Amino acid sequence: MSIAVPKHADHNSYGPKVWYQDETFACRDCGNVEVWTAEAQRWWFEVAKGLIYSRAIQCRSCRQAWRAKSGKLSHAARQAKNRPEQP
């Protein structure tokens, strides 16, 4: 699956990815092979404004375990926490 590329953060680099493509990677902690989907990449680079040279390194379960142990919140959880209450 490929998705067209628009709005990246300015990273003063040679340029953003021209398209997103599902990428497989091995988790650095447990070694499981997972897929960093094109849609997840689009969110990371365009919505979260992640660094253009970022790569997936942990599977979802290892990342969740790390966050639970370290007390870190995900980007989505931080946004929800900082969002004003709806009437």
N, C-alpha and C. Protein backbone atom coordinates (compact mmCIF):
# COMPACT_ATOMS: atom_id res chain seq x y z
N MET A 1 0.85 -1.18 0.00
CA MET A 1 0.00 0.00 0.00
C MET A 1 0.89 1.23 0.00
N SER A 2 0.61 2.19 -0.85
CA SER A 2 1.34 3.45 -0.90
C SER A 2 0.38 4.60 -0.70
N ILE A 3 0.85 5.65 -0.04
CA ILE A 3 0.02 6.83 0.23
C ILE A 3 0.79 8.06 -0.23
N ALA A 4 0.12 9.01 -0.85
CA ALA A 4 0.77 10.24 -1.30
C ALA A 4 1.30 11.04 -0.11
N VAL A 5 2.35 11.82 -0.35
CA VAL A 5 3.00 12.58 0.72
C VAL A 5 2.70 14.06 0.66
N PRO A 6 2.15 14.67 1.72
CA PRO A 6 2.13 16.10 1.80
C PRO A 6 2.94 16.66 2.95
N LYS A 7 2.41 17.01 4.07
CA LYS A 7 2.82 17.92 5.12
C LYS A 7 3.83 17.41 6.15
N HIS A 8 5.07 17.43 5.84
CA HIS A 8 6.09 17.04 6.82
C HIS A 8 6.58 18.27 7.57
N ALA A 9 7.15 18.02 8.73
CA ALA A 9 7.80 19.09 9.48
C ALA A 9 9.08 19.44 8.74
N ASP A 10 9.52 20.67 8.88
CA ASP A 10 10.76 21.10 8.25
C ASP A 10 11.93 20.53 9.03
N HIS A 11 12.72 19.66 8.39
CA HIS A 11 13.86 19.04 9.06
C HIS A 11 15.18 19.48 8.47
N ASN A 12 15.13 20.46 7.55
CA ASN A 12 16.35 20.97 6.95
C ASN A 12 17.18 19.83 6.36
N SER A 13 16.49 18.92 5.67
CA SER A 13 17.16 17.77 5.09
C SER A 13 17.01 17.83 3.57
N TYR A 14 17.43 16.76 2.93
CA TYR A 14 17.30 16.71 1.47
C TYR A 14 15.86 16.63 1.02
N GLY A 15 14.98 16.20 1.86
CA GLY A 15 13.57 16.14 1.50
C GLY A 15 12.87 14.98 2.18
N PRO A 16 11.54 15.08 2.24
CA PRO A 16 10.75 14.03 2.87
C PRO A 16 10.64 12.81 1.96
N LYS A 17 10.07 11.75 2.50
CA LYS A 17 9.77 10.59 1.68
C LYS A 17 8.80 11.01 0.59
N VAL A 18 8.93 10.40 -0.56
CA VAL A 18 8.04 10.73 -1.67
C VAL A 18 6.73 9.95 -1.54
N TRP A 19 6.77 8.79 -0.90
CA TRP A 19 5.57 8.01 -0.63
C TRP A 19 5.83 7.13 0.58
N TYR A 20 4.77 6.58 1.13
CA TYR A 20 4.88 5.66 2.25
C TYR A 20 4.61 4.25 1.75
N GLN A 21 5.32 3.32 2.32
CA GLN A 21 5.17 1.93 1.93
C GLN A 21 5.33 1.09 3.19
N ASP A 22 4.50 0.06 3.35
CA ASP A 22 4.63 -0.82 4.50
C ASP A 22 6.06 -1.33 4.60
N GLU A 23 6.65 -1.28 5.79
CA GLU A 23 8.03 -1.73 6.01
C GLU A 23 8.06 -2.75 7.14
N THR A 24 8.75 -3.85 6.93
CA THR A 24 8.91 -4.83 8.01
C THR A 24 10.15 -4.47 8.81
N PHE A 25 10.12 -4.81 10.09
CA PHE A 25 11.27 -4.57 10.97
C PHE A 25 11.27 -5.59 12.07
N ALA A 26 12.42 -5.84 12.64
CA ALA A 26 12.55 -6.74 13.78
C ALA A 26 12.65 -5.89 15.04
N CYS A 27 11.84 -6.21 16.04
CA CYS A 27 11.84 -5.48 17.30
C CYS A 27 13.21 -5.62 17.96
N ARG A 28 13.75 -4.49 18.44
CA ARG A 28 15.08 -4.53 19.05
C ARG A 28 15.07 -5.26 20.39
N ASP A 29 13.89 -5.37 21.04
CA ASP A 29 13.81 -6.00 22.35
C ASP A 29 13.52 -7.50 22.30
N CYS A 30 12.49 -7.88 21.53
CA CYS A 30 12.07 -9.29 21.53
C CYS A 30 12.40 -10.01 20.22
N GLY A 31 12.73 -9.26 19.17
CA GLY A 31 13.09 -9.88 17.90
C GLY A 31 11.93 -10.24 17.00
N ASN A 32 10.67 -10.03 17.47
CA ASN A 32 9.52 -10.32 16.62
C ASN A 32 9.53 -9.41 15.39
N VAL A 33 9.13 -9.96 14.27
CA VAL A 33 9.06 -9.19 13.03
C VAL A 33 7.66 -8.61 12.91
N GLU A 34 7.57 -7.30 12.70
CA GLU A 34 6.29 -6.62 12.56
C GLU A 34 6.35 -5.71 11.34
N VAL A 35 5.22 -5.11 11.03
CA VAL A 35 5.11 -4.20 9.88
C VAL A 35 4.80 -2.80 10.39
N TRP A 36 5.59 -1.83 9.94
CA TRP A 36 5.30 -0.42 10.18
C TRP A 36 4.49 0.01 8.97
N THR A 37 3.19 0.15 9.14
CA THR A 37 2.31 0.37 8.00
C THR A 37 2.49 1.76 7.39
N ALA A 38 2.09 1.88 6.15
CA ALA A 38 2.16 3.16 5.45
C ALA A 38 1.33 4.20 6.20
N GLU A 39 0.16 3.81 6.68
CA GLU A 39 -0.71 4.74 7.40
C GLU A 39 -0.07 5.18 8.72
N ALA A 40 0.58 4.27 9.44
CA ALA A 40 1.27 4.63 10.69
C ALA A 40 2.43 5.57 10.41
N GLN A 41 3.13 5.34 9.31
CA GLN A 41 4.22 6.24 8.92
C GLN A 41 3.67 7.62 8.59
N ARG A 42 2.57 7.68 7.85
CA ARG A 42 1.96 8.98 7.51
C ARG A 42 1.61 9.73 8.79
N TRP A 43 1.01 9.04 9.76
CA TRP A 43 0.67 9.70 11.02
C TRP A 43 1.93 10.22 11.72
N TRP A 44 2.95 9.38 11.79
CA TRP A 44 4.17 9.76 12.50
C TRP A 44 4.83 10.99 11.88
N PHE A 45 4.97 10.99 10.56
CA PHE A 45 5.68 12.08 9.89
C PHE A 45 4.83 13.33 9.70
N GLU A 46 3.53 13.19 9.44
CA GLU A 46 2.70 14.35 9.11
C GLU A 46 1.91 14.90 10.28
N VAL A 47 1.42 14.06 11.16
CA VAL A 47 0.61 14.52 12.29
C VAL A 47 1.49 14.76 13.51
N ALA A 48 2.29 13.75 13.88
CA ALA A 48 3.15 13.88 15.06
C ALA A 48 4.42 14.68 14.75
N LYS A 49 4.68 14.92 13.45
CA LYS A 49 5.86 15.68 13.00
C LYS A 49 7.16 15.05 13.47
N GLY A 50 7.21 13.71 13.39
CA GLY A 50 8.41 12.97 13.76
C GLY A 50 9.56 13.25 12.80
N LEU A 51 10.76 13.01 13.27
CA LEU A 51 11.94 13.24 12.44
C LEU A 51 11.89 12.39 11.18
N ILE A 52 12.27 12.95 10.07
CA ILE A 52 12.17 12.28 8.78
C ILE A 52 13.06 11.04 8.70
N TYR A 53 14.07 10.96 9.53
CA TYR A 53 14.97 9.81 9.53
C TYR A 53 14.54 8.72 10.52
N SER A 54 13.38 8.87 11.15
CA SER A 54 12.89 7.90 12.13
C SER A 54 12.58 6.56 11.47
N ARG A 55 12.75 5.51 12.24
CA ARG A 55 12.39 4.15 11.82
C ARG A 55 11.75 3.44 13.01
N ALA A 56 10.87 2.51 12.73
CA ALA A 56 10.26 1.71 13.81
C ALA A 56 11.33 0.78 14.37
N ILE A 57 11.41 0.67 15.70
CA ILE A 57 12.42 -0.19 16.31
C ILE A 57 11.84 -1.14 17.35
N GLN A 58 10.62 -0.87 17.83
CA GLN A 58 9.99 -1.73 18.83
C GLN A 58 8.61 -2.16 18.35
N CYS A 59 8.25 -3.40 18.66
CA CYS A 59 6.89 -3.86 18.35
C CYS A 59 5.94 -3.17 19.32
N ARG A 60 4.66 -3.24 19.01
CA ARG A 60 3.65 -2.55 19.82
C ARG A 60 3.66 -3.03 21.27
N SER A 61 3.75 -4.35 21.51
CA SER A 61 3.70 -4.84 22.89
C SER A 61 4.93 -4.42 23.69
N CYS A 62 6.11 -4.44 23.09
CA CYS A 62 7.32 -3.99 23.80
C CYS A 62 7.27 -2.49 24.08
N ARG A 63 6.74 -1.71 23.12
CA ARG A 63 6.61 -0.27 23.31
C ARG A 63 5.64 0.03 24.43
N GLN A 64 4.50 -0.69 24.49
CA GLN A 64 3.53 -0.48 25.56
C GLN A 64 4.11 -0.88 26.91
N ALA A 65 4.87 -1.98 26.96
CA ALA A 65 5.51 -2.40 28.22
C ALA A 65 6.52 -1.36 28.67
N TRP A 66 7.30 -0.81 27.74
CA TRP A 66 8.29 0.21 28.08
C TRP A 66 7.60 1.45 28.64
N ARG A 67 6.50 1.87 28.00
CA ARG A 67 5.77 3.05 28.48
C ARG A 67 5.21 2.81 29.88
N ALA A 68 4.66 1.62 30.11
CA ALA A 68 4.10 1.31 31.42
C ALA A 68 5.18 1.33 32.50
N LYS A 69 6.35 0.78 32.18
CA LYS A 69 7.45 0.71 33.14
C LYS A 69 8.05 2.09 33.39
N SER A 70 8.17 2.90 32.35
CA SER A 70 8.84 4.20 32.49
C SER A 70 7.89 5.33 32.87
N GLY A 71 6.57 5.07 32.79
CA GLY A 71 5.61 6.11 33.10
C GLY A 71 5.42 7.09 31.96
N LYS A 72 5.96 6.79 30.78
CA LYS A 72 5.83 7.67 29.62
C LYS A 72 4.46 7.47 28.98
N LEU A 73 3.91 8.54 28.44
CA LEU A 73 2.63 8.47 27.75
C LEU A 73 2.87 8.50 26.25
N SER A 74 1.98 7.86 25.52
CA SER A 74 2.06 7.93 24.06
C SER A 74 1.67 9.32 23.61
N HIS A 75 2.00 9.64 22.36
CA HIS A 75 1.65 10.95 21.80
C HIS A 75 0.14 11.17 21.89
N ALA A 76 -0.65 10.17 21.51
CA ALA A 76 -2.11 10.29 21.54
C ALA A 76 -2.61 10.50 22.97
N ALA A 77 -2.02 9.81 23.94
CA ALA A 77 -2.43 9.96 25.33
C ALA A 77 -2.09 11.37 25.85
N ARG A 78 -0.92 11.90 25.46
CA ARG A 78 -0.57 13.26 25.87
C ARG A 78 -1.54 14.27 25.28
N GLN A 79 -1.92 14.09 24.00
CA GLN A 79 -2.87 15.00 23.37
C GLN A 79 -4.21 14.96 24.09
N ALA A 80 -4.69 13.76 24.41
CA ALA A 80 -5.98 13.62 25.08
C ALA A 80 -5.93 14.26 26.47
N LYS A 81 -4.83 14.10 27.16
CA LYS A 81 -4.66 14.65 28.51
C LYS A 81 -4.66 16.17 28.47
N ASN A 82 -4.04 16.75 27.44
CA ASN A 82 -3.93 18.21 27.34
C ASN A 82 -5.13 18.86 26.68
N ARG A 83 -6.05 18.06 26.15
CA ARG A 83 -7.24 18.60 25.48
C ARG A 83 -8.23 19.08 26.53
N PRO A 84 -8.82 20.26 26.33
CA PRO A 84 -9.82 20.74 27.29
C PRO A 84 -11.05 19.84 27.31
N GLU A 85 -11.71 19.80 28.45
CA GLU A 85 -12.92 18.98 28.61
C GLU A 85 -14.00 19.45 27.63
N GLN A 86 -14.71 18.49 27.07
CA GLN A 86 -15.85 18.82 26.20
C GLN A 86 -17.07 19.11 27.07
N PRO A 87 -17.87 20.13 26.72
CA PRO A 87 -19.07 20.45 27.53
C PRO A 87 -20.13 19.38 27.43
